[in-house]
N, C-alpha and C. Protein backbone atom coordinates (compact mmCIF):
# COMPACT_ATOMS: atom_id res chain seq x y z
N UNK A 1 3.47 3.22 0.53
CA UNK A 1 3.06 3.59 -0.81
C UNK A 1 3.39 5.05 -1.05
N UNK A 2 2.68 5.93 -0.30
CA UNK A 2 2.96 7.34 -0.47
C UNK A 2 4.37 7.70 -0.14
N UNK A 3 4.93 7.07 0.91
CA UNK A 3 6.27 7.42 1.34
C UNK A 3 7.29 7.13 0.26
N UNK A 4 7.23 5.96 -0.31
CA UNK A 4 8.20 5.57 -1.31
C UNK A 4 8.06 6.44 -2.55
N UNK A 5 6.82 6.69 -2.98
CA UNK A 5 6.61 7.52 -4.16
C UNK A 5 7.11 8.94 -3.92
N UNK A 6 6.80 9.51 -2.75
CA UNK A 6 7.22 10.87 -2.47
C UNK A 6 8.73 11.00 -2.46
N UNK A 7 9.40 10.07 -1.81
CA UNK A 7 10.86 10.15 -1.75
C UNK A 7 11.46 10.02 -3.14
N UNK A 8 10.96 9.10 -3.93
CA UNK A 8 11.50 8.88 -5.26
C UNK A 8 11.21 10.08 -6.15
N UNK A 9 10.02 10.70 -5.98
CA UNK A 9 9.70 11.85 -6.80
C UNK A 9 10.73 12.94 -6.60
N UNK A 10 11.12 13.20 -5.36
CA UNK A 10 12.11 14.24 -5.11
C UNK A 10 13.43 13.88 -5.77
N UNK A 11 13.82 12.59 -5.66
CA UNK A 11 15.07 12.17 -6.27
C UNK A 11 15.04 12.31 -7.78
N UNK A 12 13.91 12.01 -8.39
CA UNK A 12 13.80 12.10 -9.83
C UNK A 12 13.94 13.54 -10.29
N UNK A 13 13.35 14.45 -9.56
CA UNK A 13 13.41 15.85 -9.96
C UNK A 13 14.84 16.36 -9.93
N UNK A 14 15.61 15.90 -8.93
CA UNK A 14 17.00 16.33 -8.82
C UNK A 14 17.86 15.77 -9.94
N UNK A 15 17.44 14.60 -10.50
CA UNK A 15 18.31 13.91 -11.43
C UNK A 15 17.73 13.81 -12.83
N UNK A 16 16.72 14.56 -13.14
CA UNK A 16 16.08 14.42 -14.45
C UNK A 16 17.08 14.71 -15.55
N UNK A 17 17.26 13.77 -16.51
CA UNK A 17 18.18 14.01 -17.61
C UNK A 17 17.57 14.98 -18.62
N UNK A 18 18.42 15.80 -19.23
CA UNK A 18 17.94 16.71 -20.26
C UNK A 18 17.38 15.90 -21.41
N UNK A 19 16.22 16.35 -21.94
CA UNK A 19 15.64 15.68 -23.10
C UNK A 19 14.82 14.47 -22.78
N UNK A 20 14.45 14.24 -21.53
CA UNK A 20 13.55 13.13 -21.22
C UNK A 20 14.24 11.94 -20.62
N UNK A 21 13.75 10.73 -20.91
CA UNK A 21 14.16 9.56 -20.15
C UNK A 21 15.48 8.93 -20.56
N UNK A 22 16.15 9.43 -21.58
CA UNK A 22 17.45 8.87 -21.94
C UNK A 22 18.42 9.07 -20.79
N UNK A 23 19.25 8.06 -20.50
CA UNK A 23 20.13 8.15 -19.35
C UNK A 23 19.33 8.05 -18.09
N UNK A 24 18.71 6.87 -17.87
CA UNK A 24 17.75 6.69 -16.78
C UNK A 24 18.41 6.92 -15.42
N UNK A 25 17.86 7.82 -14.58
CA UNK A 25 18.45 8.09 -13.26
C UNK A 25 18.27 6.92 -12.31
N UNK A 26 19.14 6.85 -11.32
CA UNK A 26 19.18 5.72 -10.39
C UNK A 26 17.88 5.48 -9.65
N UNK A 27 17.15 6.52 -9.16
CA UNK A 27 15.89 6.23 -8.46
C UNK A 27 14.89 5.46 -9.30
N UNK A 28 14.86 5.72 -10.62
CA UNK A 28 13.96 4.97 -11.50
C UNK A 28 14.43 3.53 -11.62
N UNK A 29 15.72 3.34 -11.74
CA UNK A 29 16.25 1.97 -11.81
C UNK A 29 15.92 1.20 -10.54
N UNK A 30 16.05 1.85 -9.38
CA UNK A 30 15.74 1.19 -8.11
C UNK A 30 14.27 0.82 -8.02
N UNK A 31 13.40 1.73 -8.47
CA UNK A 31 11.96 1.45 -8.42
C UNK A 31 11.60 0.30 -9.35
N UNK A 32 12.20 0.27 -10.53
CA UNK A 32 11.86 -0.76 -11.52
C UNK A 32 12.30 -2.16 -11.07
N UNK A 33 13.31 -2.23 -10.22
CA UNK A 33 13.78 -3.54 -9.74
C UNK A 33 12.73 -4.27 -8.92
N UNK A 34 11.74 -3.55 -8.40
CA UNK A 34 10.72 -4.18 -7.57
C UNK A 34 9.72 -5.00 -8.37
N UNK A 35 9.71 -4.86 -9.67
CA UNK A 35 8.76 -5.59 -10.51
C UNK A 35 9.49 -6.16 -11.72
N UNK A 36 9.61 -7.48 -11.84
CA UNK A 36 10.38 -8.07 -12.94
C UNK A 36 9.87 -7.68 -14.32
N UNK A 37 8.55 -7.38 -14.44
CA UNK A 37 7.99 -7.05 -15.74
C UNK A 37 8.23 -5.60 -16.14
N UNK A 38 8.78 -4.78 -15.25
CA UNK A 38 8.93 -3.35 -15.49
C UNK A 38 10.40 -3.00 -15.66
N UNK A 39 10.77 -2.47 -16.82
CA UNK A 39 12.15 -2.05 -17.05
C UNK A 39 12.31 -0.58 -16.66
N UNK A 40 13.54 -0.17 -16.31
CA UNK A 40 13.75 1.26 -16.01
C UNK A 40 13.37 2.16 -17.18
N UNK A 41 13.65 1.70 -18.40
CA UNK A 41 13.33 2.52 -19.58
C UNK A 41 11.81 2.70 -19.73
N UNK A 42 11.07 1.64 -19.45
CA UNK A 42 9.61 1.73 -19.56
C UNK A 42 9.04 2.67 -18.50
N UNK A 43 9.53 2.56 -17.26
CA UNK A 43 9.05 3.43 -16.19
C UNK A 43 9.39 4.88 -16.48
N UNK A 44 10.61 5.14 -16.95
CA UNK A 44 11.01 6.51 -17.27
C UNK A 44 10.17 7.06 -18.42
N UNK A 45 9.89 6.23 -19.42
CA UNK A 45 9.08 6.68 -20.55
C UNK A 45 7.66 6.99 -20.10
N UNK A 46 7.12 6.19 -19.19
CA UNK A 46 5.77 6.44 -18.68
C UNK A 46 5.70 7.78 -17.97
N UNK A 47 6.68 8.06 -17.12
CA UNK A 47 6.69 9.34 -16.39
C UNK A 47 6.86 10.50 -17.36
N UNK A 48 7.75 10.33 -18.33
CA UNK A 48 7.96 11.39 -19.31
C UNK A 48 6.69 11.67 -20.11
N UNK A 49 5.99 10.62 -20.50
CA UNK A 49 4.75 10.77 -21.26
C UNK A 49 3.66 11.43 -20.43
N UNK A 50 3.56 11.03 -19.15
CA UNK A 50 2.49 11.52 -18.30
C UNK A 50 2.69 12.98 -17.87
N UNK A 51 3.93 13.36 -17.57
CA UNK A 51 4.12 14.67 -16.94
C UNK A 51 5.38 15.42 -17.36
N UNK A 52 6.22 14.81 -18.20
CA UNK A 52 7.52 15.41 -18.52
C UNK A 52 8.33 15.66 -17.26
N UNK A 53 8.11 14.81 -16.24
CA UNK A 53 8.82 14.89 -14.96
C UNK A 53 8.49 16.18 -14.20
N UNK A 54 7.34 16.75 -14.47
CA UNK A 54 6.93 18.00 -13.83
C UNK A 54 6.08 17.69 -12.60
N UNK A 55 6.57 17.99 -11.38
CA UNK A 55 5.84 17.61 -10.16
C UNK A 55 4.52 18.33 -9.97
N UNK A 56 4.35 19.50 -10.60
CA UNK A 56 3.10 20.25 -10.43
C UNK A 56 2.12 19.98 -11.57
N UNK A 57 2.43 19.02 -12.45
CA UNK A 57 1.53 18.72 -13.57
C UNK A 57 0.17 18.26 -13.07
N UNK A 58 -0.90 18.74 -13.72
CA UNK A 58 -2.25 18.32 -13.39
C UNK A 58 -3.06 18.22 -14.67
N UNK A 59 -3.71 17.08 -14.85
CA UNK A 59 -4.48 16.85 -16.06
C UNK A 59 -5.86 17.48 -15.96
N UNK A 60 -6.58 17.52 -17.09
CA UNK A 60 -7.95 18.07 -17.08
C UNK A 60 -8.88 17.21 -16.23
N UNK A 61 -8.49 15.93 -15.99
CA UNK A 61 -9.29 15.02 -15.17
C UNK A 61 -8.92 15.07 -13.69
N UNK A 62 -7.90 15.88 -13.36
CA UNK A 62 -7.51 16.03 -11.97
C UNK A 62 -6.36 15.15 -11.52
N UNK A 63 -5.76 14.36 -12.43
CA UNK A 63 -4.59 13.56 -12.06
C UNK A 63 -3.41 14.49 -11.80
N UNK A 64 -2.57 14.14 -10.81
CA UNK A 64 -1.55 15.06 -10.35
C UNK A 64 -0.18 14.39 -10.25
N UNK A 65 0.86 15.25 -10.35
CA UNK A 65 2.22 14.79 -10.08
C UNK A 65 2.91 14.12 -11.26
N UNK A 66 4.13 13.65 -11.01
CA UNK A 66 4.93 13.11 -12.12
C UNK A 66 4.34 11.84 -12.70
N UNK A 67 3.62 11.04 -11.88
CA UNK A 67 3.02 9.80 -12.38
C UNK A 67 1.52 9.94 -12.63
N UNK A 68 0.98 11.14 -12.39
CA UNK A 68 -0.42 11.44 -12.69
C UNK A 68 -1.41 10.51 -11.98
N UNK A 69 -1.30 10.48 -10.66
CA UNK A 69 -2.27 9.77 -9.85
C UNK A 69 -3.46 10.67 -9.55
N UNK A 70 -4.66 10.08 -9.56
CA UNK A 70 -5.86 10.79 -9.13
C UNK A 70 -5.88 10.76 -7.61
N UNK A 71 -6.09 11.90 -6.94
CA UNK A 71 -6.05 11.93 -5.46
C UNK A 71 -6.92 10.87 -4.80
N UNK A 72 -8.08 10.55 -5.39
CA UNK A 72 -8.96 9.57 -4.79
C UNK A 72 -8.32 8.18 -4.72
N UNK A 73 -7.32 7.93 -5.58
CA UNK A 73 -6.62 6.64 -5.53
C UNK A 73 -5.95 6.45 -4.18
N UNK A 74 -5.30 7.51 -3.69
CA UNK A 74 -4.62 7.40 -2.40
C UNK A 74 -5.61 7.19 -1.26
N UNK A 75 -6.73 7.94 -1.30
CA UNK A 75 -7.70 7.80 -0.20
C UNK A 75 -8.33 6.42 -0.19
N UNK A 76 -8.43 5.78 -1.36
CA UNK A 76 -9.01 4.44 -1.41
C UNK A 76 -8.13 3.43 -0.67
N UNK A 77 -6.82 3.61 -0.70
CA UNK A 77 -5.91 2.63 -0.11
C UNK A 77 -5.38 3.05 1.24
N UNK A 78 -5.80 4.21 1.73
CA UNK A 78 -5.37 4.65 3.04
C UNK A 78 -6.51 4.65 4.03
N UNK A 79 -6.18 4.70 5.31
CA UNK A 79 -7.22 4.83 6.34
C UNK A 79 -6.63 5.57 7.54
N UNK A 80 -7.47 6.20 8.30
CA UNK A 80 -7.04 7.01 9.44
C UNK A 80 -7.12 6.15 10.71
N UNK A 81 -6.05 5.45 11.02
CA UNK A 81 -6.04 4.54 12.16
C UNK A 81 -6.18 5.27 13.49
N UNK A 82 -5.54 6.42 13.62
CA UNK A 82 -5.50 7.08 14.93
C UNK A 82 -6.46 8.25 15.06
N UNK A 83 -7.28 8.50 14.03
CA UNK A 83 -8.30 9.53 14.14
C UNK A 83 -7.81 10.96 14.15
N UNK A 84 -6.60 11.20 13.59
CA UNK A 84 -6.06 12.56 13.60
C UNK A 84 -6.39 13.33 12.33
N UNK A 85 -7.19 12.73 11.45
CA UNK A 85 -7.57 13.41 10.22
C UNK A 85 -6.62 13.19 9.06
N UNK A 86 -5.52 12.48 9.28
CA UNK A 86 -4.55 12.18 8.23
C UNK A 86 -4.56 10.68 7.96
N UNK A 87 -4.53 10.31 6.66
CA UNK A 87 -4.54 8.90 6.30
C UNK A 87 -3.16 8.27 6.50
N UNK A 88 -3.17 7.05 7.03
CA UNK A 88 -1.98 6.22 7.01
C UNK A 88 -2.09 5.27 5.81
N UNK A 89 -0.95 4.75 5.35
CA UNK A 89 -0.94 3.86 4.20
C UNK A 89 -0.18 2.59 4.53
N UNK A 90 -0.75 1.47 4.08
CA UNK A 90 -0.08 0.18 4.24
C UNK A 90 0.54 -0.22 2.91
N UNK A 91 1.72 -0.82 2.97
CA UNK A 91 2.43 -1.23 1.77
C UNK A 91 2.96 -2.65 1.92
N UNK A 92 3.11 -3.32 0.79
CA UNK A 92 3.85 -4.57 0.72
C UNK A 92 5.13 -4.24 -0.03
N UNK A 93 6.27 -4.52 0.59
CA UNK A 93 7.55 -4.11 0.01
C UNK A 93 8.53 -5.27 0.00
N UNK A 94 9.25 -5.47 -1.14
CA UNK A 94 8.95 -4.89 -2.45
C UNK A 94 7.68 -5.50 -3.02
N UNK A 95 7.47 -5.38 -4.32
CA UNK A 95 6.25 -5.91 -4.94
C UNK A 95 6.09 -7.38 -4.60
N UNK A 96 4.96 -7.76 -3.98
CA UNK A 96 4.71 -9.12 -3.52
C UNK A 96 5.87 -9.62 -2.65
N UNK A 97 6.40 -8.72 -1.85
CA UNK A 97 7.60 -9.03 -1.10
C UNK A 97 7.36 -9.50 0.31
N UNK A 98 8.40 -9.38 1.13
CA UNK A 98 8.40 -10.00 2.44
C UNK A 98 8.01 -9.07 3.58
N UNK A 99 7.79 -7.79 3.31
CA UNK A 99 7.50 -6.84 4.38
C UNK A 99 6.13 -6.21 4.22
N UNK A 100 5.38 -6.19 5.32
CA UNK A 100 4.08 -5.52 5.37
C UNK A 100 4.25 -4.35 6.33
N UNK A 101 4.14 -3.13 5.82
CA UNK A 101 4.48 -1.94 6.60
C UNK A 101 3.35 -0.91 6.56
N UNK A 102 3.34 -0.04 7.57
CA UNK A 102 2.42 1.09 7.61
C UNK A 102 3.23 2.36 7.72
N UNK A 103 2.83 3.35 6.94
CA UNK A 103 3.53 4.63 6.88
C UNK A 103 2.59 5.75 7.31
N UNK A 104 3.18 6.76 7.96
CA UNK A 104 2.42 7.91 8.46
C UNK A 104 3.21 9.19 8.20
N UNK A 105 2.52 10.24 7.80
CA UNK A 105 3.19 11.51 7.61
C UNK A 105 3.40 12.18 8.96
N UNK A 106 4.64 12.42 9.30
CA UNK A 106 5.02 13.03 10.57
C UNK A 106 6.00 14.16 10.29
N UNK A 107 5.66 15.36 10.72
CA UNK A 107 6.57 16.49 10.51
C UNK A 107 6.86 16.76 9.05
N UNK A 108 5.88 16.52 8.17
CA UNK A 108 6.05 16.83 6.76
C UNK A 108 6.70 15.74 5.93
N UNK A 109 7.11 14.62 6.54
CA UNK A 109 7.70 13.53 5.76
C UNK A 109 7.11 12.21 6.22
N UNK A 110 7.23 11.18 5.38
CA UNK A 110 6.64 9.87 5.67
C UNK A 110 7.57 9.04 6.51
N UNK A 111 7.01 8.46 7.59
CA UNK A 111 7.78 7.63 8.50
C UNK A 111 7.13 6.25 8.62
N UNK A 112 7.95 5.23 8.69
CA UNK A 112 7.42 3.88 8.92
C UNK A 112 7.05 3.76 10.38
N UNK A 113 5.78 3.43 10.66
CA UNK A 113 5.31 3.34 12.04
C UNK A 113 4.98 1.90 12.44
N UNK A 114 5.04 0.98 11.46
CA UNK A 114 4.76 -0.42 11.77
C UNK A 114 5.36 -1.30 10.70
N UNK A 115 5.89 -2.45 11.16
CA UNK A 115 6.29 -3.51 10.25
C UNK A 115 5.85 -4.83 10.86
N UNK A 116 5.13 -5.64 10.08
CA UNK A 116 4.64 -6.90 10.61
C UNK A 116 5.82 -7.76 11.07
N UNK A 117 5.70 -8.38 12.25
CA UNK A 117 6.84 -9.15 12.78
C UNK A 117 7.24 -10.35 11.94
N UNK A 118 6.34 -10.84 11.07
CA UNK A 118 6.72 -11.95 10.21
C UNK A 118 7.19 -11.43 8.86
N UNK A 119 8.46 -11.67 8.55
CA UNK A 119 8.98 -11.36 7.21
C UNK A 119 8.82 -12.63 6.38
N UNK A 120 7.99 -12.55 5.36
CA UNK A 120 7.71 -13.71 4.52
C UNK A 120 7.84 -13.30 3.07
N UNK A 121 8.05 -14.25 2.18
CA UNK A 121 8.40 -13.91 0.81
C UNK A 121 7.23 -13.49 -0.07
N UNK A 122 5.98 -13.62 0.38
CA UNK A 122 4.89 -13.41 -0.56
C UNK A 122 3.67 -12.81 0.10
N UNK A 123 3.79 -11.59 0.68
CA UNK A 123 2.60 -10.86 1.11
C UNK A 123 1.79 -10.49 -0.14
N UNK A 124 0.47 -10.64 -0.05
CA UNK A 124 -0.32 -10.50 -1.26
C UNK A 124 -1.59 -9.68 -1.07
N UNK A 125 -2.08 -9.52 0.16
CA UNK A 125 -3.31 -8.78 0.42
C UNK A 125 -2.98 -7.51 1.19
N UNK A 126 -3.46 -6.36 0.70
CA UNK A 126 -3.39 -5.12 1.46
C UNK A 126 -4.58 -4.26 1.05
N UNK A 127 -5.49 -4.00 2.00
CA UNK A 127 -6.69 -3.22 1.71
C UNK A 127 -7.18 -2.57 3.01
N UNK A 128 -7.80 -1.42 2.88
CA UNK A 128 -8.33 -0.75 4.08
C UNK A 128 -9.80 -1.07 4.23
N UNK A 129 -10.30 -0.85 5.45
CA UNK A 129 -11.71 -1.06 5.71
C UNK A 129 -12.06 -0.69 7.14
N UNK A 130 -13.26 -1.08 7.56
CA UNK A 130 -13.69 -0.81 8.94
C UNK A 130 -14.29 -2.08 9.52
N UNK A 131 -13.87 -2.40 10.73
CA UNK A 131 -14.43 -3.52 11.48
C UNK A 131 -15.01 -2.99 12.78
N UNK A 132 -16.30 -3.20 12.98
CA UNK A 132 -17.02 -2.72 14.17
C UNK A 132 -16.78 -1.23 14.39
N UNK A 133 -16.78 -0.48 13.29
CA UNK A 133 -16.64 0.97 13.36
C UNK A 133 -15.22 1.46 13.49
N UNK A 134 -14.26 0.57 13.49
CA UNK A 134 -12.86 0.93 13.69
C UNK A 134 -12.09 0.80 12.37
N UNK A 135 -11.27 1.79 12.06
CA UNK A 135 -10.45 1.74 10.85
C UNK A 135 -9.37 0.68 10.99
N UNK A 136 -9.22 -0.14 9.94
CA UNK A 136 -8.24 -1.22 9.97
C UNK A 136 -7.61 -1.37 8.58
N UNK A 137 -6.46 -2.05 8.56
CA UNK A 137 -5.90 -2.58 7.33
C UNK A 137 -6.04 -4.09 7.36
N UNK A 138 -6.47 -4.66 6.25
CA UNK A 138 -6.57 -6.10 6.11
C UNK A 138 -5.36 -6.57 5.31
N UNK A 139 -4.69 -7.63 5.79
CA UNK A 139 -3.50 -8.11 5.11
C UNK A 139 -3.48 -9.62 5.02
N UNK A 140 -2.64 -10.12 4.13
CA UNK A 140 -2.53 -11.56 3.99
C UNK A 140 -1.26 -11.96 3.27
N UNK A 141 -0.83 -13.20 3.51
CA UNK A 141 0.43 -13.69 2.96
C UNK A 141 0.24 -15.11 2.44
N UNK A 142 0.87 -15.41 1.32
CA UNK A 142 0.71 -16.73 0.70
C UNK A 142 1.88 -17.67 0.99
N UNK A 143 2.83 -17.25 1.77
CA UNK A 143 3.93 -18.11 2.18
C UNK A 143 4.07 -18.01 3.70
N UNK A 144 5.05 -18.70 4.26
CA UNK A 144 5.24 -18.65 5.71
C UNK A 144 4.03 -19.21 6.42
N UNK A 145 3.47 -18.45 7.36
CA UNK A 145 2.30 -18.92 8.09
C UNK A 145 1.02 -18.81 7.27
N UNK A 146 1.10 -18.22 6.07
CA UNK A 146 -0.05 -18.09 5.17
C UNK A 146 -1.27 -17.52 5.89
N UNK A 147 -1.05 -16.43 6.59
CA UNK A 147 -2.08 -15.89 7.46
C UNK A 147 -2.88 -14.77 6.82
N UNK A 148 -4.14 -14.68 7.26
CA UNK A 148 -5.02 -13.54 7.01
C UNK A 148 -5.12 -12.80 8.33
N UNK A 149 -4.95 -11.48 8.30
CA UNK A 149 -4.90 -10.72 9.54
C UNK A 149 -5.41 -9.30 9.30
N UNK A 150 -5.61 -8.58 10.40
CA UNK A 150 -5.89 -7.16 10.26
C UNK A 150 -5.05 -6.37 11.25
N UNK A 151 -4.82 -5.10 10.92
CA UNK A 151 -4.09 -4.19 11.78
C UNK A 151 -5.05 -3.15 12.34
N UNK A 152 -4.91 -2.86 13.61
CA UNK A 152 -5.74 -1.85 14.26
C UNK A 152 -4.86 -1.00 15.17
N UNK A 153 -5.40 0.14 15.58
CA UNK A 153 -4.69 0.99 16.52
C UNK A 153 -4.92 0.47 17.93
N UNK A 154 -3.89 -0.12 18.54
CA UNK A 154 -3.98 -0.52 19.94
C UNK A 154 -3.95 0.71 20.84
N UNK A 155 -3.28 1.74 20.37
CA UNK A 155 -3.22 3.03 21.05
C UNK A 155 -3.16 4.10 19.97
N UNK A 156 -3.87 5.21 20.18
CA UNK A 156 -3.96 6.21 19.12
C UNK A 156 -2.98 7.36 19.27
N UNK A 157 -2.68 7.76 20.49
CA UNK A 157 -1.81 8.92 20.69
C UNK A 157 -0.78 8.64 21.79
N UNK A 158 0.49 8.31 21.41
CA UNK A 158 0.97 8.14 20.03
C UNK A 158 0.46 6.83 19.43
N UNK A 159 0.49 6.76 18.11
CA UNK A 159 -0.06 5.59 17.42
C UNK A 159 0.78 4.35 17.69
N UNK A 160 0.11 3.30 18.17
CA UNK A 160 0.71 1.98 18.30
C UNK A 160 -0.21 0.99 17.59
N UNK A 161 0.34 0.19 16.71
CA UNK A 161 -0.44 -0.70 15.87
C UNK A 161 -0.22 -2.14 16.28
N UNK A 162 -1.31 -2.90 16.32
CA UNK A 162 -1.20 -4.33 16.60
C UNK A 162 -1.77 -5.13 15.44
N UNK A 163 -1.20 -6.32 15.23
CA UNK A 163 -1.68 -7.24 14.21
C UNK A 163 -2.52 -8.32 14.88
N UNK A 164 -3.71 -8.55 14.35
CA UNK A 164 -4.63 -9.55 14.89
C UNK A 164 -4.83 -10.63 13.83
N UNK A 165 -4.47 -11.87 14.14
CA UNK A 165 -4.61 -12.96 13.20
C UNK A 165 -6.07 -13.41 13.10
N UNK A 166 -6.57 -13.51 11.89
CA UNK A 166 -7.91 -14.04 11.65
C UNK A 166 -7.83 -15.55 11.46
N UNK A 167 -6.90 -16.00 10.61
CA UNK A 167 -6.70 -17.43 10.42
C UNK A 167 -5.34 -17.69 9.79
N UNK A 168 -4.66 -18.72 10.26
CA UNK A 168 -3.39 -19.15 9.69
C UNK A 168 -3.62 -20.29 8.68
N UNK A 169 -2.65 -20.49 7.81
CA UNK A 169 -2.66 -21.64 6.92
C UNK A 169 -3.63 -21.57 5.76
N UNK A 170 -4.04 -20.34 5.36
CA UNK A 170 -5.02 -20.23 4.27
C UNK A 170 -4.44 -19.58 3.01
N UNK A 171 -3.37 -18.81 3.13
CA UNK A 171 -2.71 -18.23 1.96
C UNK A 171 -3.59 -17.37 1.09
N UNK A 172 -4.15 -16.26 1.63
CA UNK A 172 -5.09 -15.45 0.84
C UNK A 172 -4.39 -14.70 -0.30
N UNK A 173 -5.11 -14.57 -1.41
CA UNK A 173 -4.61 -13.79 -2.53
C UNK A 173 -5.37 -12.47 -2.70
N UNK A 174 -6.56 -12.38 -2.12
CA UNK A 174 -7.34 -11.15 -2.19
C UNK A 174 -8.40 -11.19 -1.10
N UNK A 175 -8.84 -10.02 -0.66
CA UNK A 175 -9.85 -9.96 0.39
C UNK A 175 -10.47 -8.57 0.42
N UNK A 176 -11.62 -8.48 1.03
CA UNK A 176 -12.27 -7.19 1.23
C UNK A 176 -13.19 -7.27 2.44
N UNK A 177 -13.60 -6.09 2.91
CA UNK A 177 -14.51 -5.98 4.04
C UNK A 177 -15.75 -5.23 3.59
N UNK A 178 -16.94 -5.73 3.96
CA UNK A 178 -18.14 -4.94 3.74
C UNK A 178 -19.09 -5.11 4.91
N UNK A 179 -20.02 -4.18 5.01
CA UNK A 179 -20.97 -4.16 6.13
C UNK A 179 -22.32 -4.70 5.67
N UNK A 180 -22.96 -5.48 6.57
CA UNK A 180 -24.27 -6.05 6.29
C UNK A 180 -25.08 -6.01 7.58
N UNK A 181 -25.90 -4.99 7.71
CA UNK A 181 -26.71 -4.85 8.92
C UNK A 181 -25.83 -4.67 10.15
N UNK A 182 -26.01 -5.56 11.14
CA UNK A 182 -25.28 -5.42 12.40
C UNK A 182 -23.97 -6.21 12.41
N UNK A 183 -23.55 -6.66 11.25
CA UNK A 183 -22.31 -7.43 11.20
C UNK A 183 -21.41 -6.94 10.06
N UNK A 184 -20.13 -7.15 10.25
CA UNK A 184 -19.15 -6.91 9.20
C UNK A 184 -18.75 -8.26 8.62
N UNK A 185 -18.48 -8.28 7.33
CA UNK A 185 -18.13 -9.53 6.67
C UNK A 185 -16.80 -9.35 5.93
N UNK A 186 -15.88 -10.25 6.19
CA UNK A 186 -14.62 -10.30 5.46
C UNK A 186 -14.74 -11.41 4.42
N UNK A 187 -14.54 -11.06 3.16
CA UNK A 187 -14.52 -12.03 2.08
C UNK A 187 -13.07 -12.26 1.69
N UNK A 188 -12.64 -13.51 1.68
CA UNK A 188 -11.25 -13.81 1.39
C UNK A 188 -11.12 -14.94 0.38
N UNK A 189 -10.29 -14.71 -0.64
CA UNK A 189 -9.93 -15.76 -1.58
C UNK A 189 -8.70 -16.48 -1.02
N UNK A 190 -8.93 -17.57 -0.31
CA UNK A 190 -7.83 -18.31 0.33
C UNK A 190 -7.21 -19.26 -0.69
N UNK A 191 -6.35 -18.70 -1.49
CA UNK A 191 -5.88 -19.38 -2.69
C UNK A 191 -5.11 -20.65 -2.40
N UNK A 192 -4.28 -20.63 -1.38
CA UNK A 192 -3.39 -21.77 -1.15
C UNK A 192 -4.14 -23.02 -0.68
N UNK A 193 -5.39 -22.87 -0.27
CA UNK A 193 -6.18 -24.06 0.08
C UNK A 193 -7.42 -24.18 -0.82
N UNK A 194 -7.47 -23.38 -1.90
CA UNK A 194 -8.56 -23.49 -2.85
C UNK A 194 -9.92 -23.18 -2.27
N UNK A 195 -10.01 -22.08 -1.51
CA UNK A 195 -11.23 -21.81 -0.75
C UNK A 195 -11.65 -20.35 -0.89
N UNK A 196 -12.94 -20.12 -1.04
CA UNK A 196 -13.52 -18.79 -0.89
C UNK A 196 -14.22 -18.77 0.47
N UNK A 197 -13.83 -17.84 1.34
CA UNK A 197 -14.30 -17.86 2.72
C UNK A 197 -14.98 -16.56 3.11
N UNK A 198 -15.99 -16.67 3.96
CA UNK A 198 -16.63 -15.52 4.60
C UNK A 198 -16.36 -15.59 6.09
N UNK A 199 -15.90 -14.46 6.65
CA UNK A 199 -15.68 -14.36 8.08
C UNK A 199 -16.64 -13.30 8.62
N UNK A 200 -17.50 -13.69 9.56
CA UNK A 200 -18.50 -12.78 10.12
C UNK A 200 -17.98 -12.18 11.41
N UNK A 201 -18.12 -10.85 11.52
CA UNK A 201 -17.62 -10.14 12.70
C UNK A 201 -18.80 -9.43 13.35
N UNK A 202 -19.05 -9.75 14.61
CA UNK A 202 -20.11 -9.10 15.37
C UNK A 202 -19.54 -8.64 16.71
N UNK A 203 -20.27 -7.77 17.38
CA UNK A 203 -19.86 -7.33 18.72
C UNK A 203 -20.01 -8.48 19.70
């Protein structure tokens, strides 16, 4: 998430057309291809309206950058897997695509540190949370093995990530984690089998 946006932001600044979004630069066209409902012209107009392509733009509400994201948005979707004080981010690439990846800032730039071994056409769940006190990413896919899974740090320094399958053949479309007393609960909308499921996690 952060990695792709950061790289594209730099490209956009280098190629910004005079007078706004007319003559849409290639990085915007590439980004728009990830979503059939989004045209390059619409994406360029949105950026122009929000920030005039100014990377240091900041609104009175605290939104920042060319697309005017609120910083808390990033923290909501990131988690610190290895405990180094920096958030990692999980992405589905492209939009509802076949790759589930984790990105980490290393040496000032974003690096891919994990890619799920199953490439499937319809990853649909990506959310952060905590299971038994450990930071995790929860993921799910509606095609292929239709699995619900979580990612955890098998090793923290250097970071090594493992995928743990919760259940195959359920095709989740959304999920979340919450805590209830001495147990953690995963709520999953297992769309491909028409099921709302609770998974209880205890020590």
